[in-house]
């Protein structure tokens, strides 16, 4: 979990915002499902 947090520490906030905007326009049902998992209150989804 420390390694997972370290990965997030390297992610710029602007990159997250840009990805959310891109995923909101997706035609892919699978991508919508992935974006929904990443948009919840906790990133540990199970």
ModelCIF file with pLDDT and N, C-alpha, C, O atoms, coordinates in Angstrom:
data_MODEL
#
_entry.id   MODEL 
#
_entity.id                         1 
_entity.type                       polymer 
_entity.pdbx_number_of_molecules   1 
#
_entity_poly.entity_id                      1 
_entity_poly.type                           'polypeptide(L)' 
_entity_poly.nstd_linkage                   no 
_entity_poly.nstd_monomer                   no 
_entity_poly.pdbx_seq_one_letter_code       
;(UNK)(UNK)(UNK)(UNK)(UNK)(UNK)(UNK)(UNK)(UNK)(UNK)(UNK)(UNK)(UNK)(UNK)(UNK)(UNK)
(UNK)(UNK)(UNK)(UNK)(UNK)(UNK)(UNK)(UNK)(UNK)(UNK)(UNK)(UNK)(UNK)(UNK)(UNK)(UNK)
(UNK)(UNK)(UNK)(UNK)(UNK)(UNK)(UNK)(UNK)(UNK)(UNK)(UNK)(UNK)(UNK)(UNK)
;
_entity_poly.pdbx_seq_one_letter_code_can   XXXXXXXXXXXXXXXXXXXXXXXXXXXXXXXXXXXXXXXXXXXXXX 
_entity_poly.pdbx_strand_id                 A 
#
loop_
_entity_poly_seq.entity_id 
_entity_poly_seq.num 
_entity_poly_seq.mon_id 
_entity_poly_seq.hetero 
1 1  UNK n 
1 2  UNK n 
1 3  UNK n 
1 4  UNK n 
1 5  UNK n 
1 6  UNK n 
1 7  UNK n 
1 8  UNK n 
1 9  UNK n 
1 10 UNK n 
1 11 UNK n 
1 12 UNK n 
1 13 UNK n 
1 14 UNK n 
1 15 UNK n 
1 16 UNK n 
1 17 UNK n 
1 18 UNK n 
1 19 UNK n 
1 20 UNK n 
1 21 UNK n 
1 22 UNK n 
1 23 UNK n 
1 24 UNK n 
1 25 UNK n 
1 26 UNK n 
1 27 UNK n 
1 28 UNK n 
1 29 UNK n 
1 30 UNK n 
1 31 UNK n 
1 32 UNK n 
1 33 UNK n 
1 34 UNK n 
1 35 UNK n 
1 36 UNK n 
1 37 UNK n 
1 38 UNK n 
1 39 UNK n 
1 40 UNK n 
1 41 UNK n 
1 42 UNK n 
1 43 UNK n 
1 44 UNK n 
1 45 UNK n 
1 46 UNK n 
#
_struct_asym.id          A 
_struct_asym.entity_id   1 
#
loop_
_ma_qa_metric.id 
_ma_qa_metric.mode 
_ma_qa_metric.name 
_ma_qa_metric.software_group_id 
_ma_qa_metric.type 
1 global pLDDT . pLDDT 
2 local  pLDDT . pLDDT 
#
_ma_qa_metric_global.metric_id      1 
_ma_qa_metric_global.metric_value   87.67 
_ma_qa_metric_global.model_id       1 
_ma_qa_metric_global.ordinal_id     1 
#
loop_
_ma_qa_metric_local.label_asym_id 
_ma_qa_metric_local.label_comp_id 
_ma_qa_metric_local.label_seq_id 
_ma_qa_metric_local.metric_id 
_ma_qa_metric_local.metric_value 
_ma_qa_metric_local.model_id 
_ma_qa_metric_local.ordinal_id 
A UNK 1  2 97.00 1 1  
A UNK 2  2 97.00 1 2  
A UNK 3  2 96.00 1 3  
A UNK 4  2 95.00 1 4  
A UNK 5  2 94.00 1 5  
A UNK 6  2 93.00 1 6  
A UNK 7  2 93.00 1 7  
A UNK 8  2 91.00 1 8  
A UNK 9  2 90.00 1 9  
A UNK 10 2 88.00 1 10 
A UNK 11 2 88.00 1 11 
A UNK 12 2 86.00 1 12 
A UNK 13 2 87.00 1 13 
A UNK 14 2 87.00 1 14 
A UNK 15 2 87.00 1 15 
A UNK 16 2 88.00 1 16 
A UNK 17 2 88.00 1 17 
A UNK 18 2 87.00 1 18 
A UNK 19 2 85.00 1 19 
A UNK 20 2 87.00 1 20 
A UNK 21 2 86.00 1 21 
A UNK 22 2 85.00 1 22 
A UNK 23 2 86.00 1 23 
A UNK 24 2 83.00 1 24 
A UNK 25 2 83.00 1 25 
A UNK 26 2 82.00 1 26 
A UNK 27 2 80.00 1 27 
A UNK 28 2 82.00 1 28 
A UNK 29 2 83.00 1 29 
A UNK 30 2 81.00 1 30 
A UNK 31 2 85.00 1 31 
A UNK 32 2 87.00 1 32 
A UNK 33 2 90.00 1 33 
A UNK 34 2 85.00 1 34 
A UNK 35 2 86.00 1 35 
A UNK 36 2 85.00 1 36 
A UNK 37 2 87.00 1 37 
A UNK 38 2 85.00 1 38 
A UNK 39 2 85.00 1 39 
A UNK 40 2 82.00 1 40 
A UNK 41 2 82.00 1 41 
A UNK 42 2 88.00 1 42 
A UNK 43 2 92.00 1 43 
A UNK 44 2 92.00 1 44 
A UNK 45 2 93.00 1 45 
A UNK 46 2 94.00 1 46 
#
loop_
_atom_site.group_PDB 
_atom_site.id 
_atom_site.type_symbol 
_atom_site.label_atom_id 
_atom_site.label_alt_id 
_atom_site.label_comp_id 
_atom_site.label_asym_id 
_atom_site.label_entity_id 
_atom_site.label_seq_id 
_atom_site.pdbx_PDB_ins_code 
_atom_site.Cartn_x 
_atom_site.Cartn_y 
_atom_site.Cartn_z 
_atom_site.occupancy 
_atom_site.B_iso_or_equiv 
_atom_site.pdbx_formal_charge 
_atom_site.auth_seq_id 
_atom_site.auth_comp_id 
_atom_site.auth_asym_id 
_atom_site.auth_atom_id 
_atom_site.pdbx_PDB_model_num 
ATOM 1   N N  . UNK A 1 1  ? 0.827   -1.206 0.000   1.00 97.00 ? 1  UNK A N  1 
ATOM 2   C CA . UNK A 1 1  ? 0.000   0.000  0.000   1.00 97.00 ? 1  UNK A CA 1 
ATOM 3   C C  . UNK A 1 1  ? 0.862   1.256  0.000   1.00 97.00 ? 1  UNK A C  1 
ATOM 4   O O  . UNK A 1 1  ? 0.456   2.283  -0.544  1.00 97.00 ? 1  UNK A O  1 
ATOM 5   N N  . UNK A 1 2  ? 2.046   1.187  0.603   1.00 97.00 ? 2  UNK A N  1 
ATOM 6   C CA . UNK A 1 2  ? 2.972   2.323  0.527   1.00 97.00 ? 2  UNK A CA 1 
ATOM 7   C C  . UNK A 1 2  ? 3.414   2.547  -0.915  1.00 97.00 ? 2  UNK A C  1 
ATOM 8   O O  . UNK A 1 2  ? 3.555   3.689  -1.353  1.00 97.00 ? 2  UNK A O  1 
ATOM 9   N N  . UNK A 1 3  ? 3.634   1.458  -1.655  1.00 96.00 ? 3  UNK A N  1 
ATOM 10  C CA . UNK A 1 3  ? 4.002   1.591  -3.066  1.00 96.00 ? 3  UNK A CA 1 
ATOM 11  C C  . UNK A 1 3  ? 2.855   2.186  -3.873  1.00 96.00 ? 3  UNK A C  1 
ATOM 12  O O  . UNK A 1 3  ? 3.090   2.985  -4.779  1.00 96.00 ? 3  UNK A O  1 
ATOM 13  N N  . UNK A 1 4  ? 1.613   1.808  -3.557  1.00 95.00 ? 4  UNK A N  1 
ATOM 14  C CA . UNK A 1 4  ? 0.467   2.383  -4.256  1.00 95.00 ? 4  UNK A CA 1 
ATOM 15  C C  . UNK A 1 4  ? 0.366   3.883  -3.983  1.00 95.00 ? 4  UNK A C  1 
ATOM 16  O O  . UNK A 1 4  ? 0.132   4.673  -4.897  1.00 95.00 ? 4  UNK A O  1 
ATOM 17  N N  . UNK A 1 5  ? 0.547   4.270  -2.708  1.00 94.00 ? 5  UNK A N  1 
ATOM 18  C CA . UNK A 1 5  ? 0.497   5.699  -2.377  1.00 94.00 ? 5  UNK A CA 1 
ATOM 19  C C  . UNK A 1 5  ? 1.610   6.465  -3.077  1.00 94.00 ? 5  UNK A C  1 
ATOM 20  O O  . UNK A 1 5  ? 1.413   7.603  -3.505  1.00 94.00 ? 5  UNK A O  1 
ATOM 21  N N  . UNK A 1 6  ? 2.782   5.842  -3.193  1.00 93.00 ? 6  UNK A N  1 
ATOM 22  C CA . UNK A 1 6  ? 3.895   6.501  -3.877  1.00 93.00 ? 6  UNK A CA 1 
ATOM 23  C C  . UNK A 1 6  ? 3.579   6.743  -5.348  1.00 93.00 ? 6  UNK A C  1 
ATOM 24  O O  . UNK A 1 6  ? 3.985   7.758  -5.912  1.00 93.00 ? 6  UNK A O  1 
ATOM 25  N N  . UNK A 1 7  ? 2.860   5.820  -5.966  1.00 93.00 ? 7  UNK A N  1 
ATOM 26  C CA . UNK A 1 7  ? 2.438   6.036  -7.352  1.00 93.00 ? 7  UNK A CA 1 
ATOM 27  C C  . UNK A 1 7  ? 1.518   7.248  -7.455  1.00 93.00 ? 7  UNK A C  1 
ATOM 28  O O  . UNK A 1 7  ? 1.661   8.060  -8.369  1.00 93.00 ? 7  UNK A O  1 
ATOM 29  N N  . UNK A 1 8  ? 0.578   7.373  -6.528  1.00 91.00 ? 8  UNK A N  1 
ATOM 30  C CA . UNK A 1 8  ? -0.334  8.514  -6.552  1.00 91.00 ? 8  UNK A CA 1 
ATOM 31  C C  . UNK A 1 8  ? 0.392   9.825  -6.300  1.00 91.00 ? 8  UNK A C  1 
ATOM 32  O O  . UNK A 1 8  ? 0.026   10.859 -6.858  1.00 91.00 ? 8  UNK A O  1 
ATOM 33  N N  . UNK A 1 9  ? 1.415   9.784  -5.466  1.00 90.00 ? 9  UNK A N  1 
ATOM 34  C CA . UNK A 1 9  ? 2.159   11.005 -5.163  1.00 90.00 ? 9  UNK A CA 1 
ATOM 35  C C  . UNK A 1 9  ? 2.834   11.576 -6.402  1.00 90.00 ? 9  UNK A C  1 
ATOM 36  O O  . UNK A 1 9  ? 3.136   12.768 -6.451  1.00 90.00 ? 9  UNK A O  1 
ATOM 37  N N  . UNK A 1 10 ? 3.072   10.740 -7.396  1.00 88.00 ? 10 UNK A N  1 
ATOM 38  C CA . UNK A 1 10 ? 3.733   11.182 -8.632  1.00 88.00 ? 10 UNK A CA 1 
ATOM 39  C C  . UNK A 1 10 ? 2.741   11.684 -9.675  1.00 88.00 ? 10 UNK A C  1 
ATOM 40  O O  . UNK A 1 10 ? 3.148   12.141 -10.743 1.00 88.00 ? 10 UNK A O  1 
ATOM 41  N N  . UNK A 1 11 ? 1.443   11.605 -9.380  1.00 88.00 ? 11 UNK A N  1 
ATOM 42  C CA . UNK A 1 11 ? 0.414   11.981 -10.361 1.00 88.00 ? 11 UNK A CA 1 
ATOM 43  C C  . UNK A 1 11 ? 0.011   13.435 -10.161 1.00 88.00 ? 11 UNK A C  1 
ATOM 44  O O  . UNK A 1 11 ? -0.499  13.777 -9.094  1.00 88.00 ? 11 UNK A O  1 
ATOM 45  N N  . UNK A 1 12 ? 0.220   14.302 -11.145 1.00 86.00 ? 12 UNK A N  1 
ATOM 46  C CA . UNK A 1 12 ? -0.213  15.701 -11.017 1.00 86.00 ? 12 UNK A CA 1 
ATOM 47  C C  . UNK A 1 12 ? -1.740  15.805 -10.996 1.00 86.00 ? 12 UNK A C  1 
ATOM 48  O O  . UNK A 1 12 ? -2.424  15.044 -11.681 1.00 86.00 ? 12 UNK A O  1 
ATOM 49  N N  . UNK A 1 13 ? -2.269  16.740 -10.214 1.00 87.00 ? 13 UNK A N  1 
ATOM 50  C CA . UNK A 1 13 ? -3.716  16.931 -10.155 1.00 87.00 ? 13 UNK A CA 1 
ATOM 51  C C  . UNK A 1 13 ? -4.290  17.267 -11.522 1.00 87.00 ? 13 UNK A C  1 
ATOM 52  O O  . UNK A 1 13 ? -5.408  16.873 -11.856 1.00 87.00 ? 13 UNK A O  1 
ATOM 53  N N  . UNK A 1 14 ? -3.509  18.004 -12.311 1.00 87.00 ? 14 UNK A N  1 
ATOM 54  C CA . UNK A 1 14 ? -3.979  18.372 -13.653 1.00 87.00 ? 14 UNK A CA 1 
ATOM 55  C C  . UNK A 1 14 ? -4.190  17.139 -14.529 1.00 87.00 ? 14 UNK A C  1 
ATOM 56  O O  . UNK A 1 14 ? -5.092  17.117 -15.366 1.00 87.00 ? 14 UNK A O  1 
ATOM 57  N N  . UNK A 1 15 ? -3.353  16.107 -14.334 1.00 87.00 ? 15 UNK A N  1 
ATOM 58  C CA . UNK A 1 15 ? -3.501  14.882 -15.122 1.00 87.00 ? 15 UNK A CA 1 
ATOM 59  C C  . UNK A 1 15 ? -4.791  14.160 -14.759 1.00 87.00 ? 15 UNK A C  1 
ATOM 60  O O  . UNK A 1 15 ? -5.454  13.594 -15.629 1.00 87.00 ? 15 UNK A O  1 
ATOM 61  N N  . UNK A 1 16 ? -5.149  14.176 -13.477 1.00 88.00 ? 16 UNK A N  1 
ATOM 62  C CA . UNK A 1 16 ? -6.394  13.538 -13.044 1.00 88.00 ? 16 UNK A CA 1 
ATOM 63  C C  . UNK A 1 16 ? -7.593  14.287 -13.626 1.00 88.00 ? 16 UNK A C  1 
ATOM 64  O O  . UNK A 1 16 ? -8.538  13.669 -14.116 1.00 88.00 ? 16 UNK A O  1 
ATOM 65  N N  . UNK A 1 17 ? -7.550  15.606 -13.571 1.00 88.00 ? 17 UNK A N  1 
ATOM 66  C CA . UNK A 1 17 ? -8.660  16.400 -14.092 1.00 88.00 ? 17 UNK A CA 1 
ATOM 67  C C  . UNK A 1 17 ? -8.826  16.193 -15.597 1.00 88.00 ? 17 UNK A C  1 
ATOM 68  O O  . UNK A 1 17 ? -9.946  16.077 -16.094 1.00 88.00 ? 17 UNK A O  1 
ATOM 69  N N  . UNK A 1 18 ? -7.705  16.149 -16.315 1.00 87.00 ? 18 UNK A N  1 
ATOM 70  C CA . UNK A 1 18 ? -7.776  15.949 -17.760 1.00 87.00 ? 18 UNK A CA 1 
ATOM 71  C C  . UNK A 1 18 ? -8.325  14.573 -18.099 1.00 87.00 ? 18 UNK A C  1 
ATOM 72  O O  . UNK A 1 18 ? -9.090  14.423 -19.051 1.00 87.00 ? 18 UNK A O  1 
ATOM 73  N N  . UNK A 1 19 ? -7.935  13.563 -17.317 1.00 85.00 ? 19 UNK A N  1 
ATOM 74  C CA . UNK A 1 19 ? -8.424  12.210 -17.572 1.00 85.00 ? 19 UNK A CA 1 
ATOM 75  C C  . UNK A 1 19 ? -9.917  12.116 -17.309 1.00 85.00 ? 19 UNK A C  1 
ATOM 76  O O  . UNK A 1 19 ? -10.642 11.487 -18.081 1.00 85.00 ? 19 UNK A O  1 
ATOM 77  N N  . UNK A 1 20 ? -10.391 12.736 -16.223 1.00 87.00 ? 20 UNK A N  1 
ATOM 78  C CA . UNK A 1 20 ? -11.821 12.694 -15.930 1.00 87.00 ? 20 UNK A CA 1 
ATOM 79  C C  . UNK A 1 20 ? -12.636 13.337 -17.055 1.00 87.00 ? 20 UNK A C  1 
ATOM 80  O O  . UNK A 1 20 ? -13.694 12.836 -17.435 1.00 87.00 ? 20 UNK A O  1 
ATOM 81  N N  . UNK A 1 21 ? -12.137 14.429 -17.568 1.00 86.00 ? 21 UNK A N  1 
ATOM 82  C CA . UNK A 1 21 ? -12.843 15.094 -18.669 1.00 86.00 ? 21 UNK A CA 1 
ATOM 83  C C  . UNK A 1 21 ? -12.873 14.186 -19.899 1.00 86.00 ? 21 UNK A C  1 
ATOM 84  O O  . UNK A 1 21 ? -13.889 14.098 -20.589 1.00 86.00 ? 21 UNK A O  1 
ATOM 85  N N  . UNK A 1 22 ? -11.750 13.513 -20.168 1.00 85.00 ? 22 UNK A N  1 
ATOM 86  C CA . UNK A 1 22 ? -11.689 12.625 -21.330 1.00 85.00 ? 22 UNK A CA 1 
ATOM 87  C C  . UNK A 1 22 ? -12.601 11.416 -21.142 1.00 85.00 ? 22 UNK A C  1 
ATOM 88  O O  . UNK A 1 22 ? -13.314 11.024 -22.066 1.00 85.00 ? 22 UNK A O  1 
ATOM 89  N N  . UNK A 1 23 ? -12.580 10.830 -19.951 1.00 86.00 ? 23 UNK A N  1 
ATOM 90  C CA . UNK A 1 23 ? -13.400 9.648  -19.702 1.00 86.00 ? 23 UNK A CA 1 
ATOM 91  C C  . UNK A 1 23 ? -14.897 9.979  -19.735 1.00 86.00 ? 23 UNK A C  1 
ATOM 92  O O  . UNK A 1 23 ? -15.714 9.117  -20.061 1.00 86.00 ? 23 UNK A O  1 
ATOM 93  N N  . UNK A 1 24 ? -15.258 11.215 -19.401 1.00 83.00 ? 24 UNK A N  1 
ATOM 94  C CA . UNK A 1 24 ? -16.667 11.608 -19.420 1.00 83.00 ? 24 UNK A CA 1 
ATOM 95  C C  . UNK A 1 24 ? -17.239 11.580 -20.835 1.00 83.00 ? 24 UNK A C  1 
ATOM 96  O O  . UNK A 1 24 ? -18.454 11.495 -21.015 1.00 83.00 ? 24 UNK A O  1 
ATOM 97  N N  . UNK A 1 25 ? -16.369 11.650 -21.835 1.00 83.00 ? 25 UNK A N  1 
ATOM 98  C CA . UNK A 1 25 ? -16.810 11.652 -23.230 1.00 83.00 ? 25 UNK A CA 1 
ATOM 99  C C  . UNK A 1 25 ? -16.695 10.267 -23.884 1.00 83.00 ? 25 UNK A C  1 
ATOM 100 O O  . UNK A 1 25 ? -16.982 10.121 -25.073 1.00 83.00 ? 25 UNK A O  1 
ATOM 101 N N  . UNK A 1 26 ? -16.284 9.268  -23.130 1.00 82.00 ? 26 UNK A N  1 
ATOM 102 C CA . UNK A 1 26 ? -15.980 7.975  -23.733 1.00 82.00 ? 26 UNK A CA 1 
ATOM 103 C C  . UNK A 1 26 ? -17.207 7.297  -24.330 1.00 82.00 ? 26 UNK A C  1 
ATOM 104 O O  . UNK A 1 26 ? -18.322 7.455  -23.833 1.00 82.00 ? 26 UNK A O  1 
ATOM 105 N N  . UNK A 1 27 ? -16.988 6.547  -25.393 1.00 80.00 ? 27 UNK A N  1 
ATOM 106 C CA . UNK A 1 27 ? -18.020 5.713  -25.996 1.00 80.00 ? 27 UNK A CA 1 
ATOM 107 C C  . UNK A 1 27 ? -17.963 4.285  -25.462 1.00 80.00 ? 27 UNK A C  1 
ATOM 108 O O  . UNK A 1 27 ? -18.865 3.485  -25.707 1.00 80.00 ? 27 UNK A O  1 
ATOM 109 N N  . UNK A 1 28 ? -16.899 3.976  -24.733 1.00 82.00 ? 28 UNK A N  1 
ATOM 110 C CA . UNK A 1 28 ? -16.649 2.611  -24.293 1.00 82.00 ? 28 UNK A CA 1 
ATOM 111 C C  . UNK A 1 28 ? -17.364 2.318  -22.975 1.00 82.00 ? 28 UNK A C  1 
ATOM 112 O O  . UNK A 1 28 ? -17.168 3.027  -21.987 1.00 82.00 ? 28 UNK A O  1 
ATOM 113 N N  . UNK A 1 29 ? -18.190 1.279  -22.963 1.00 83.00 ? 29 UNK A N  1 
ATOM 114 C CA . UNK A 1 29 ? -18.856 0.878  -21.732 1.00 83.00 ? 29 UNK A CA 1 
ATOM 115 C C  . UNK A 1 29 ? -17.839 0.407  -20.696 1.00 83.00 ? 29 UNK A C  1 
ATOM 116 O O  . UNK A 1 29 ? -17.983 0.700  -19.509 1.00 83.00 ? 29 UNK A O  1 
ATOM 117 N N  . UNK A 1 30 ? -16.815 -0.319 -21.136 1.00 81.00 ? 30 UNK A N  1 
ATOM 118 C CA . UNK A 1 30 ? -15.787 -0.757 -20.207 1.00 81.00 ? 30 UNK A CA 1 
ATOM 119 C C  . UNK A 1 30 ? -15.044 0.403  -19.580 1.00 81.00 ? 30 UNK A C  1 
ATOM 120 O O  . UNK A 1 30 ? -14.743 0.382  -18.386 1.00 81.00 ? 30 UNK A O  1 
ATOM 121 N N  . UNK A 1 31 ? -14.744 1.431  -20.392 1.00 85.00 ? 31 UNK A N  1 
ATOM 122 C CA . UNK A 1 31 ? -14.056 2.599  -19.845 1.00 85.00 ? 31 UNK A CA 1 
ATOM 123 C C  . UNK A 1 31 ? -14.942 3.347  -18.861 1.00 85.00 ? 31 UNK A C  1 
ATOM 124 O O  . UNK A 1 31 ? -14.455 3.846  -17.847 1.00 85.00 ? 31 UNK A O  1 
ATOM 125 N N  . UNK A 1 32 ? -16.225 3.429  -19.146 1.00 87.00 ? 32 UNK A N  1 
ATOM 126 C CA . UNK A 1 32 ? -17.143 4.070  -18.196 1.00 87.00 ? 32 UNK A CA 1 
ATOM 127 C C  . UNK A 1 32 ? -17.131 3.340  -16.854 1.00 87.00 ? 32 UNK A C  1 
ATOM 128 O O  . UNK A 1 32 ? -17.166 3.969  -15.797 1.00 87.00 ? 32 UNK A O  1 
ATOM 129 N N  . UNK A 1 33 ? -17.083 2.033  -16.904 1.00 90.00 ? 33 UNK A N  1 
ATOM 130 C CA . UNK A 1 33 ? -17.068 1.254  -15.672 1.00 90.00 ? 33 UNK A CA 1 
ATOM 131 C C  . UNK A 1 33 ? -15.772 1.463  -14.904 1.00 90.00 ? 33 UNK A C  1 
ATOM 132 O O  . UNK A 1 33 ? -15.788 1.534  -13.675 1.00 90.00 ? 33 UNK A O  1 
ATOM 133 N N  . UNK A 1 34 ? -14.650 1.561  -15.608 1.00 85.00 ? 34 UNK A N  1 
ATOM 134 C CA . UNK A 1 34 ? -13.379 1.833  -14.942 1.00 85.00 ? 34 UNK A CA 1 
ATOM 135 C C  . UNK A 1 34 ? -13.383 3.223  -14.309 1.00 85.00 ? 34 UNK A C  1 
ATOM 136 O O  . UNK A 1 34 ? -12.938 3.395  -13.174 1.00 85.00 ? 34 UNK A O  1 
ATOM 137 N N  . UNK A 1 35 ? -13.887 4.211  -15.043 1.00 86.00 ? 35 UNK A N  1 
ATOM 138 C CA . UNK A 1 35 ? -13.933 5.580  -14.520 1.00 86.00 ? 35 UNK A CA 1 
ATOM 139 C C  . UNK A 1 35 ? -14.841 5.676  -13.301 1.00 86.00 ? 35 UNK A C  1 
ATOM 140 O O  . UNK A 1 35 ? -14.551 6.424  -12.367 1.00 86.00 ? 35 UNK A O  1 
ATOM 141 N N  . UNK A 1 36 ? -15.922 4.935  -13.304 1.00 85.00 ? 36 UNK A N  1 
ATOM 142 C CA . UNK A 1 36 ? -16.837 4.945  -12.163 1.00 85.00 ? 36 UNK A CA 1 
ATOM 143 C C  . UNK A 1 36 ? -16.152 4.379  -10.922 1.00 85.00 ? 36 UNK A C  1 
ATOM 144 O O  . UNK A 1 36 ? -16.348 4.896  -9.822  1.00 85.00 ? 36 UNK A O  1 
ATOM 145 N N  . UNK A 1 37 ? -15.365 3.340  -11.079 1.00 87.00 ? 37 UNK A N  1 
ATOM 146 C CA . UNK A 1 37 ? -14.646 2.769  -9.942  1.00 87.00 ? 37 UNK A CA 1 
ATOM 147 C C  . UNK A 1 37 ? -13.645 3.772  -9.373  1.00 87.00 ? 37 UNK A C  1 
ATOM 148 O O  . UNK A 1 37 ? -13.485 3.873  -8.156  1.00 87.00 ? 37 UNK A O  1 
ATOM 149 N N  . UNK A 1 38 ? -12.970 4.514  -10.256 1.00 85.00 ? 38 UNK A N  1 
ATOM 150 C CA . UNK A 1 38 ? -11.957 5.475  -9.803  1.00 85.00 ? 38 UNK A CA 1 
ATOM 151 C C  . UNK A 1 38 ? -12.575 6.753  -9.255  1.00 85.00 ? 38 UNK A C  1 
ATOM 152 O O  . UNK A 1 38 ? -11.873 7.562  -8.648  1.00 85.00 ? 38 UNK A O  1 
ATOM 153 N N  . UNK A 1 39 ? -13.865 6.952  -9.455  1.00 85.00 ? 39 UNK A N  1 
ATOM 154 C CA . UNK A 1 39 ? -14.510 8.191  -9.024  1.00 85.00 ? 39 UNK A CA 1 
ATOM 155 C C  . UNK A 1 39 ? -15.256 8.090  -7.721  1.00 85.00 ? 39 UNK A C  1 
ATOM 156 O O  . UNK A 1 39 ? -15.949 9.030  -7.331  1.00 85.00 ? 39 UNK A O  1 
ATOM 157 N N  . UNK A 1 40 ? -15.130 6.964  -7.033  1.00 82.00 ? 40 UNK A N  1 
ATOM 158 C CA . UNK A 1 40 ? -15.854 6.781  -5.781  1.00 82.00 ? 40 UNK A CA 1 
ATOM 159 C C  . UNK A 1 40 ? -15.138 7.397  -4.584  1.00 82.00 ? 40 UNK A C  1 
ATOM 160 O O  . UNK A 1 40 ? -14.089 8.027  -4.720  1.00 82.00 ? 40 UNK A O  1 
ATOM 161 N N  . UNK A 1 41 ? -15.732 7.198  -3.411  1.00 82.00 ? 41 UNK A N  1 
ATOM 162 C CA . UNK A 1 41 ? -15.163 7.775  -2.185  1.00 82.00 ? 41 UNK A CA 1 
ATOM 163 C C  . UNK A 1 41 ? -13.851 7.113  -1.794  1.00 82.00 ? 41 UNK A C  1 
ATOM 164 O O  . UNK A 1 41 ? -12.984 7.754  -1.200  1.00 82.00 ? 41 UNK A O  1 
ATOM 165 N N  . UNK A 1 42 ? -13.701 5.841  -2.120  1.00 88.00 ? 42 UNK A N  1 
ATOM 166 C CA . UNK A 1 42 ? -12.475 5.110  -1.790  1.00 88.00 ? 42 UNK A CA 1 
ATOM 167 C C  . UNK A 1 42 ? -11.947 4.439  -3.046  1.00 88.00 ? 42 UNK A C  1 
ATOM 168 O O  . UNK A 1 42 ? -12.717 3.919  -3.854  1.00 88.00 ? 42 UNK A O  1 
ATOM 169 N N  . UNK A 1 43 ? -10.623 4.453  -3.207  1.00 92.00 ? 43 UNK A N  1 
ATOM 170 C CA . UNK A 1 43 ? -10.021 3.792  -4.353  1.00 92.00 ? 43 UNK A CA 1 
ATOM 171 C C  . UNK A 1 43 ? -9.896  2.286  -4.147  1.00 92.00 ? 43 UNK A C  1 
ATOM 172 O O  . UNK A 1 43 ? -9.652  1.556  -5.108  1.00 92.00 ? 43 UNK A O  1 
ATOM 173 N N  . UNK A 1 44 ? -10.055 1.809  -2.922  1.00 92.00 ? 44 UNK A N  1 
ATOM 174 C CA . UNK A 1 44 ? -10.087 0.370  -2.691  1.00 92.00 ? 44 UNK A CA 1 
ATOM 175 C C  . UNK A 1 44 ? -11.541 -0.072 -2.864  1.00 92.00 ? 44 UNK A C  1 
ATOM 176 O O  . UNK A 1 44 ? -12.347 0.031  -1.940  1.00 92.00 ? 44 UNK A O  1 
ATOM 177 N N  . UNK A 1 45 ? -11.860 -0.563 -4.057  1.00 93.00 ? 45 UNK A N  1 
ATOM 178 C CA . UNK A 1 45 ? -13.249 -0.787 -4.431  1.00 93.00 ? 45 UNK A CA 1 
ATOM 179 C C  . UNK A 1 45 ? -13.758 -2.156 -4.010  1.00 93.00 ? 45 UNK A C  1 
ATOM 180 O O  . UNK A 1 45 ? -14.967 -2.392 -4.014  1.00 93.00 ? 45 UNK A O  1 
ATOM 181 N N  . UNK A 1 46 ? -12.878 -3.042 -3.655  1.00 94.00 ? 46 UNK A N  1 
ATOM 182 C CA . UNK A 1 46 ? -13.184 -4.302 -2.987  1.00 94.00 ? 46 UNK A CA 1 
ATOM 183 C C  . UNK A 1 46 ? -11.875 -4.744 -2.353  1.00 94.00 ? 46 UNK A C  1 
ATOM 184 O O  . UNK A 1 46 ? -11.823 -5.793 -1.711  1.00 94.00 ? 46 UNK A O  1 
#
